[in-house]
Structures are given as C-alpha cells and as structure tokens.
C-alpha cells in the first residue's frame, strides 16, 4: 500500500510538526518513508510545503509526481489550491476553512471557497475548535485528526501514539492538549 501526501500552509502554522508526527508513526510501523520540504519564507508567513511518500514497498523518489497525490492536508485553503495540480483524480483535500491573508493580492474568499468546494474535500474551521479546547496552538493537531482516516497506510491509533511521542518532552499537559485536539479532528472527519 502507498500514500502520497502533500502538507501545506503558511510558516508558523505547524505543518512541519504534522510531517514529524506522520514520520514518527511511519518509522514505528516499519513503513517506508520519503520526505521533501520547502520552507520558503516560513519565518515571515510564507509558503511551507512538504511531500510525504509512505509505502509498504520501496520508494525511489521523495518528490510526488503531478497528478498522483492521494491527500492534500492544508492549514490554509488557498495553499491547498496552490497544489491542486498534484492531486490524483481519486484524491482528497483536507483543509482549514479559515484563511490567512498574508499577501496584498489574496483572492476573494468566496471565490476561493467555491473553487475548493468543486473538489473532493473535508473542511472545518480548525482554529475555532482549537480555541474552544483552550489550546489555540493545537489547530494543526485538529487538522491531522481530520486527515487521519484518509492516510490509510497508518491507522488513527498509530498517528495518535506518535502525537504522544513527539510532544512527550514538552510535558503531560501539552501531550494531553494535543491529543484532545487530534481526537476532535478525528470526530469531525466522521461527520
């Protein structure tokens, strides 16, 4: 089994943390993993993107070919559309609905959402959920939870365990906050 995933967003939103957690789960499960990241001007709110290729068979390239991405996981809706040419015909977009307007020519939000809604997608205001949980920094874990059922080569439980492992050094309270956020994302994906 193979899954090609593009993670995308804006610098500081936690995309690379999601990549680290998926990588930890894949390593623990003994699944082959290739990863390529583009940090852009991430410290200034620029584009951040990561290609993750997971497979039970050997993987030869860390770059996902155009039209072969199984899942686009995006912290920002415009960033999801930036990589739409990579999405396979059977692919899925999992995205935040809240925009991060960081450029003067940001597209009209209604038009952006209309275009996104023409694609197979799951979307939610993940930041609102994280705020409701009193953990606004865990919005990326809500997104990972939403995406977990679509990753398929890894189970939801394997990803949940990796969340615990990656955040363990930050203390039990941080682990629990991130697990709560992850679980709420998983619940949202079921609706």
C-alpha atoms as a PDB file:
ATOM      1  CA  UNK A   1       0.000   0.000   0.000  1.00  0.00           C
ATOM      2  CA  UNK A   2       1.178   3.529  -0.807  1.00  0.00           C
ATOM      3  CA  UNK A   3       0.042   7.034   0.130  1.00  0.00           C
ATOM      4  CA  UNK A   4       1.412  10.248  -1.320  1.00  0.00           C
ATOM      5  CA  UNK A   5       0.605  13.273   0.830  1.00  0.00           C
ATOM      6  CA  UNK A   6       1.237  16.983   0.371  1.00  0.00           C
ATOM      7  CA  UNK A   7       1.201  19.037   3.555  1.00  0.00           C
ATOM      8  CA  UNK A   8       0.916  22.775   3.027  1.00  0.00           C
ATOM      9  CA  UNK A   9       0.290  26.015   4.817  1.00  0.00           C
ATOM     10  CA  UNK A  10       1.921  29.206   5.943  1.00  0.00           C
ATOM     11  CA  UNK A  11       5.020  29.471   8.104  1.00  0.00           C
ATOM     12  CA  UNK A  12       4.275  29.089  11.792  1.00  0.00           C
ATOM     13  CA  UNK A  13       1.058  27.085  11.375  1.00  0.00           C
ATOM     14  CA  UNK A  14       2.593  23.742  12.373  1.00  0.00           C
ATOM     15  CA  UNK A  15       2.877  21.936   9.030  1.00  0.00           C
ATOM     16  CA  UNK A  16       6.339  20.608   9.836  1.00  0.00           C
ATOM     17  CA  UNK A  17       5.070  19.274  13.184  1.00  0.00           C
ATOM     18  CA  UNK A  18       2.416  17.305  11.298  1.00  0.00           C
ATOM     19  CA  UNK A  19       5.132  15.935   8.998  1.00  0.00           C
ATOM     20  CA  UNK A  20       7.229  14.930  12.010  1.00  0.00           C
ATOM     21  CA  UNK A  21       4.307  13.067  13.599  1.00  0.00           C
ATOM     22  CA  UNK A  22       3.442  11.199  10.405  1.00  0.00           C
ATOM     23  CA  UNK A  23       7.139  10.355  10.004  1.00  0.00           C
ATOM     24  CA  UNK A  24       7.327   9.045  13.582  1.00  0.00           C
ATOM     25  CA  UNK A  25       4.237   6.864  13.053  1.00  0.00           C
ATOM     26  CA  UNK A  26       5.611   5.509   9.767  1.00  0.00           C
ATOM     27  CA  UNK A  27       9.016   4.733  11.312  1.00  0.00           C
ATOM     28  CA  UNK A  28       7.408   2.993  14.290  1.00  0.00           C
ATOM     29  CA  UNK A  29       5.184   0.960  11.926  1.00  0.00           C
ATOM     30  CA  UNK A  30       8.148  -0.045   9.743  1.00  0.00           C
ATOM     31  CA  UNK A  31       6.703   1.695   6.681  1.00  0.00           C
ATOM     32  CA  UNK A  32       8.994   3.197   4.061  1.00  0.00           C
ATOM     33  CA  UNK A  33       9.035   6.995   4.091  1.00  0.00           C
ATOM     34  CA  UNK A  34      10.470   9.684   1.836  1.00  0.00           C
ATOM     35  CA  UNK A  35      10.060  13.346   2.638  1.00  0.00           C
ATOM     36  CA  UNK A  36      10.924  16.598   0.886  1.00  0.00           C
ATOM     37  CA  UNK A  37      10.206  20.016   2.387  1.00  0.00           C
ATOM     38  CA  UNK A  38      10.055  23.555   1.056  1.00  0.00           C
ATOM     39  CA  UNK A  39      10.294  26.154   3.794  1.00  0.00           C
ATOM     40  CA  UNK A  40      10.098  29.252   1.600  1.00  0.00           C
ATOM     41  CA  UNK A  41       9.957  32.332   3.762  1.00  0.00           C
ATOM     42  CA  UNK A  42       8.301  30.388   6.541  1.00  0.00           C
ATOM     43  CA  UNK A  43       9.501  32.676   9.302  1.00  0.00           C
ATOM     44  CA  UNK A  44       7.704  35.574   7.620  1.00  0.00           C
ATOM     45  CA  UNK A  45       4.420  33.833   6.907  1.00  0.00           C
ATOM     46  CA  UNK A  46       5.485  32.388   3.556  1.00  0.00           C
ATOM     47  CA  UNK A  47       4.598  29.107   1.908  1.00  0.00           C
ATOM     48  CA  UNK A  48       5.564  25.884   3.700  1.00  0.00           C
ATOM     49  CA  UNK A  49       5.092  22.590   1.910  1.00  0.00           C
ATOM     50  CA  UNK A  50       6.157  19.011   2.494  1.00  0.00           C
ATOM     51  CA  UNK A  51       5.902  15.948   0.256  1.00  0.00           C
ATOM     52  CA  UNK A  52       5.430  12.754   2.261  1.00  0.00           C
ATOM     53  CA  UNK A  53       5.534   9.426   0.499  1.00  0.00           C
ATOM     54  CA  UNK A  54       4.566   6.390   2.594  1.00  0.00           C
ATOM     55  CA  UNK A  55       4.642   2.837   1.295  1.00  0.00           C
ATOM     56  CA  UNK A  56       4.916  -0.773   2.327  1.00  0.00           C
ATOM     57  CA  UNK A  57       7.161  -1.179  -0.764  1.00  0.00           C
ATOM     58  CA  UNK A  58      10.417   0.665  -1.541  1.00  0.00           C
ATOM     59  CA  UNK A  59      10.109   4.312  -2.621  1.00  0.00           C
ATOM     60  CA  UNK A  60      12.649   5.660  -5.072  1.00  0.00           C
ATOM     61  CA  UNK A  61      11.892   9.386  -5.164  1.00  0.00           C
ATOM     62  CA  UNK A  62      10.949  11.888  -2.484  1.00  0.00           C
ATOM     63  CA  UNK A  63       9.024  14.061  -4.974  1.00  0.00           C
ATOM     64  CA  UNK A  64       5.373  13.330  -5.765  1.00  0.00           C
ATOM     65  CA  UNK A  65       4.652  13.469  -9.500  1.00  0.00           C
ATOM     66  CA  UNK A  66       1.946  15.812 -10.789  1.00  0.00           C
ATOM     67  CA  UNK A  67      -1.490  14.212 -10.573  1.00  0.00           C
ATOM     68  CA  UNK A  68      -0.521  11.482  -8.100  1.00  0.00           C
ATOM     69  CA  UNK A  69      -1.148  12.975  -4.635  1.00  0.00           C
ATOM     70  CA  UNK A  70      -3.642  10.965  -2.605  1.00  0.00           C
ATOM     71  CA  UNK A  71      -4.243  13.569   0.116  1.00  0.00           C
ATOM     72  CA  UNK A  72      -3.545  17.301   0.364  1.00  0.00           C
ATOM     73  CA  UNK A  73      -3.543  18.321   4.026  1.00  0.00           C
ATOM     74  CA  UNK A  74      -3.663  22.095   4.283  1.00  0.00           C
ATOM     75  CA  UNK A  75      -3.670  24.593   7.135  1.00  0.00           C
ATOM     76  CA  UNK A  76      -4.861  27.300   4.705  1.00  0.00           C
ATOM     77  CA  UNK A  77      -7.400  26.964   1.845  1.00  0.00           C
ATOM     78  CA  UNK A  78      -5.500  28.978  -0.783  1.00  0.00           C
ATOM     79  CA  UNK A  79      -2.413  26.870  -0.115  1.00  0.00           C
ATOM     80  CA  UNK A  80      -4.492  23.717  -0.786  1.00  0.00           C
ATOM     81  CA  UNK A  81      -5.429  25.105  -4.198  1.00  0.00           C
ATOM     82  CA  UNK A  82      -1.808  26.017  -4.922  1.00  0.00           C
ATOM     83  CA  UNK A  83      -1.029  22.266  -5.124  1.00  0.00           C
ATOM     84  CA  UNK A  84      -4.234  21.120  -6.830  1.00  0.00           C
ATOM     85  CA  UNK A  85      -2.382  20.041  -9.993  1.00  0.00           C
ATOM     86  CA  UNK A  86      -0.682  17.366  -7.869  1.00  0.00           C
ATOM     87  CA  UNK A  87      -3.984  15.823  -6.695  1.00  0.00           C
ATOM     88  CA  UNK A  88      -4.891  12.481  -8.255  1.00  0.00           C
ATOM     89  CA  UNK A  89      -8.391  12.071  -9.740  1.00  0.00           C
ATOM     90  CA  UNK A  90      -9.314   9.959  -6.670  1.00  0.00           C
ATOM     91  CA  UNK A  91      -7.517  12.285  -4.235  1.00  0.00           C
ATOM     92  CA  UNK A  92      -8.919  14.149  -1.230  1.00  0.00           C
ATOM     93  CA  UNK A  93      -8.284  17.613   0.226  1.00  0.00           C
ATOM     94  CA  UNK A  94      -8.407  18.063   4.000  1.00  0.00           C
ATOM     95  CA  UNK A  95      -8.238  21.750   4.861  1.00  0.00           C
ATOM     96  CA  UNK A  96      -8.867  24.521   7.309  1.00  0.00           C
ATOM     97  CA  UNK A  97     -11.588  26.961   6.208  1.00  0.00           C
ATOM     98  CA  UNK A  98     -10.049  29.978   7.912  1.00  0.00           C
ATOM     99  CA  UNK A  99      -7.917  31.996   5.536  1.00  0.00           C
ATOM    100  CA  UNK A 100      -4.570  33.548   6.394  1.00  0.00           C
ATOM    101  CA  UNK A 101      -4.407  36.692   4.276  1.00  0.00           C
ATOM    102  CA  UNK A 102      -0.680  37.310   4.031  1.00  0.00           C
ATOM    103  CA  UNK A 103      -0.363  38.851   0.560  1.00  0.00           C
ATOM    104  CA  UNK A 104      -1.905  42.018  -0.914  1.00  0.00           C
ATOM    105  CA  UNK A 105      -3.478  40.173  -3.864  1.00  0.00           C
ATOM    106  CA  UNK A 106      -5.098  37.393  -1.822  1.00  0.00           C
ATOM    107  CA  UNK A 107      -8.046  36.025  -3.841  1.00  0.00           C
ATOM    108  CA  UNK A 108     -11.666  36.750  -2.992  1.00  0.00           C
ATOM    109  CA  UNK A 109     -12.535  34.378  -0.135  1.00  0.00           C
ATOM    110  CA  UNK A 110     -15.967  33.401  -1.501  1.00  0.00           C
ATOM    111  CA  UNK A 111     -14.476  32.565  -4.918  1.00  0.00           C
ATOM    112  CA  UNK A 112     -11.671  30.638  -3.222  1.00  0.00           C
ATOM    113  CA  UNK A 113     -14.120  28.527  -1.211  1.00  0.00           C
ATOM    114  CA  UNK A 114     -16.331  27.950  -4.291  1.00  0.00           C
ATOM    115  CA  UNK A 115     -13.329  26.611  -6.184  1.00  0.00           C
ATOM    116  CA  UNK A 116     -12.331  24.421  -3.252  1.00  0.00           C
ATOM    117  CA  UNK A 117     -15.887  23.078  -2.958  1.00  0.00           C
ATOM    118  CA  UNK A 118     -15.693  21.802  -6.528  1.00  0.00           C
ATOM    119  CA  UNK A 119     -13.024  19.340  -5.356  1.00  0.00           C
ATOM    120  CA  UNK A 120     -13.452  16.277  -3.118  1.00  0.00           C
ATOM    121  CA  UNK A 121     -12.722  17.731   0.293  1.00  0.00           C
ATOM    122  CA  UNK A 122     -13.256  17.766   4.027  1.00  0.00           C
ATOM    123  CA  UNK A 123     -13.058  21.196   5.613  1.00  0.00           C
ATOM    124  CA  UNK A 124     -13.507  22.743   9.020  1.00  0.00           C
ATOM    125  CA  UNK A 125     -12.542  25.874  10.947  1.00  0.00           C
ATOM    126  CA  UNK A 126      -9.860  24.058  12.911  1.00  0.00           C
ATOM    127  CA  UNK A 127      -8.728  27.192  14.698  1.00  0.00           C
ATOM    128  CA  UNK A 128     -12.207  27.650  16.204  1.00  0.00           C
ATOM    129  CA  UNK A 129     -12.085  24.095  17.561  1.00  0.00           C
ATOM    130  CA  UNK A 130      -8.594  24.583  18.991  1.00  0.00           C
ATOM    131  CA  UNK A 131      -9.718  27.828  20.639  1.00  0.00           C
ATOM    132  CA  UNK A 132     -12.789  26.082  22.041  1.00  0.00           C
ATOM    133  CA  UNK A 133     -10.438  23.490  23.538  1.00  0.00           C
ATOM    134  CA  UNK A 134      -8.441  26.380  25.077  1.00  0.00           C
ATOM    135  CA  UNK A 135      -5.415  25.305  23.074  1.00  0.00           C
ATOM    136  CA  UNK A 136      -5.127  27.574  20.003  1.00  0.00           C
ATOM    137  CA  UNK A 137      -1.651  26.281  19.164  1.00  0.00           C
ATOM    138  CA  UNK A 138      -3.071  22.783  18.618  1.00  0.00           C
ATOM    139  CA  UNK A 139      -5.066  23.666  15.466  1.00  0.00           C
ATOM    140  CA  UNK A 140      -2.587  21.623  13.426  1.00  0.00           C
ATOM    141  CA  UNK A 141      -3.446  18.559  15.523  1.00  0.00           C
ATOM    142  CA  UNK A 142      -7.159  19.081  14.782  1.00  0.00           C
ATOM    143  CA  UNK A 143      -6.195  19.069  11.089  1.00  0.00           C
ATOM    144  CA  UNK A 144      -4.089  15.915  11.478  1.00  0.00           C
ATOM    145  CA  UNK A 145      -7.005  14.203  13.232  1.00  0.00           C
ATOM    146  CA  UNK A 146      -9.309  15.178  10.362  1.00  0.00           C
ATOM    147  CA  UNK A 147      -6.823  13.775   7.854  1.00  0.00           C
ATOM    148  CA  UNK A 148      -6.000  10.584   9.792  1.00  0.00           C
ATOM    149  CA  UNK A 149      -8.754   8.401   8.250  1.00  0.00           C
ATOM    150  CA  UNK A 150      -7.574   9.354   4.743  1.00  0.00           C
ATOM    151  CA  UNK A 151      -3.923   8.455   5.318  1.00  0.00           C
ATOM    152  CA  UNK A 152      -4.939   4.766   5.444  1.00  0.00           C
ATOM    153  CA  UNK A 153      -1.431   3.279   5.349  1.00  0.00           C
ATOM    154  CA  UNK A 154      -1.217   4.298   9.021  1.00  0.00           C
ATOM    155  CA  UNK A 155      -4.046   3.796  11.492  1.00  0.00           C
ATOM    156  CA  UNK A 156      -5.615   6.556  13.527  1.00  0.00           C
ATOM    157  CA  UNK A 157      -4.200   4.886  16.642  1.00  0.00           C
ATOM    158  CA  UNK A 158      -0.646   4.806  15.208  1.00  0.00           C
ATOM    159  CA  UNK A 159      -0.872   8.535  14.486  1.00  0.00           C
ATOM    160  CA  UNK A 160      -2.343   9.229  17.937  1.00  0.00           C
ATOM    161  CA  UNK A 161       0.551   7.375  19.582  1.00  0.00           C
ATOM    162  CA  UNK A 162       3.042   9.400  17.503  1.00  0.00           C
ATOM    163  CA  UNK A 163       1.434  12.631  18.776  1.00  0.00           C
ATOM    164  CA  UNK A 164       2.217  11.437  22.327  1.00  0.00           C
ATOM    165  CA  UNK A 165       5.795  10.543  21.439  1.00  0.00           C
ATOM    166  CA  UNK A 166       6.601  13.799  19.628  1.00  0.00           C
ATOM    167  CA  UNK A 167       5.167  16.068  22.343  1.00  0.00           C
ATOM    168  CA  UNK A 168       6.355  13.985  25.331  1.00  0.00           C
ATOM    169  CA  UNK A 169       9.395  16.183  26.018  1.00  0.00           C
ATOM    170  CA  UNK A 170       7.080  19.205  26.439  1.00  0.00           C
ATOM    171  CA  UNK A 171       5.230  17.649  29.355  1.00  0.00           C
ATOM    172  CA  UNK A 172       1.988  15.825  30.041  1.00  0.00           C
ATOM    173  CA  UNK A 173      -0.244  18.915  29.759  1.00  0.00           C
ATOM    174  CA  UNK A 174       0.992  19.627  26.212  1.00  0.00           C
ATOM    175  CA  UNK A 175       0.586  15.961  25.242  1.00  0.00           C
ATOM    176  CA  UNK A 176      -2.990  15.916  26.566  1.00  0.00           C
ATOM    177  CA  UNK A 177      -3.926  19.184  24.827  1.00  0.00           C
ATOM    178  CA  UNK A 178      -2.632  17.886  21.504  1.00  0.00           C
ATOM    179  CA  UNK A 179      -4.328  14.504  21.918  1.00  0.00           C
ATOM    180  CA  UNK A 180      -7.652  16.230  22.656  1.00  0.00           C
ATOM    181  CA  UNK A 181      -7.254  18.328  19.524  1.00  0.00           C
ATOM    182  CA  UNK A 182      -6.324  15.268  17.443  1.00  0.00           C
ATOM    183  CA  UNK A 183      -9.347  13.352  18.765  1.00  0.00           C
ATOM    184  CA  UNK A 184     -11.703  16.244  17.952  1.00  0.00           C
ATOM    185  CA  UNK A 185     -10.339  16.270  14.396  1.00  0.00           C
ATOM    186  CA  UNK A 186     -10.966  12.535  14.058  1.00  0.00           C
ATOM    187  CA  UNK A 187     -14.555  13.060  15.293  1.00  0.00           C
ATOM    188  CA  UNK A 188     -15.065  15.891  12.777  1.00  0.00           C
ATOM    189  CA  UNK A 189     -13.884  13.672   9.893  1.00  0.00           C
ATOM    190  CA  UNK A 190     -16.613  11.141  10.728  1.00  0.00           C
ATOM    191  CA  UNK A 191     -19.418  13.689  10.263  1.00  0.00           C
END
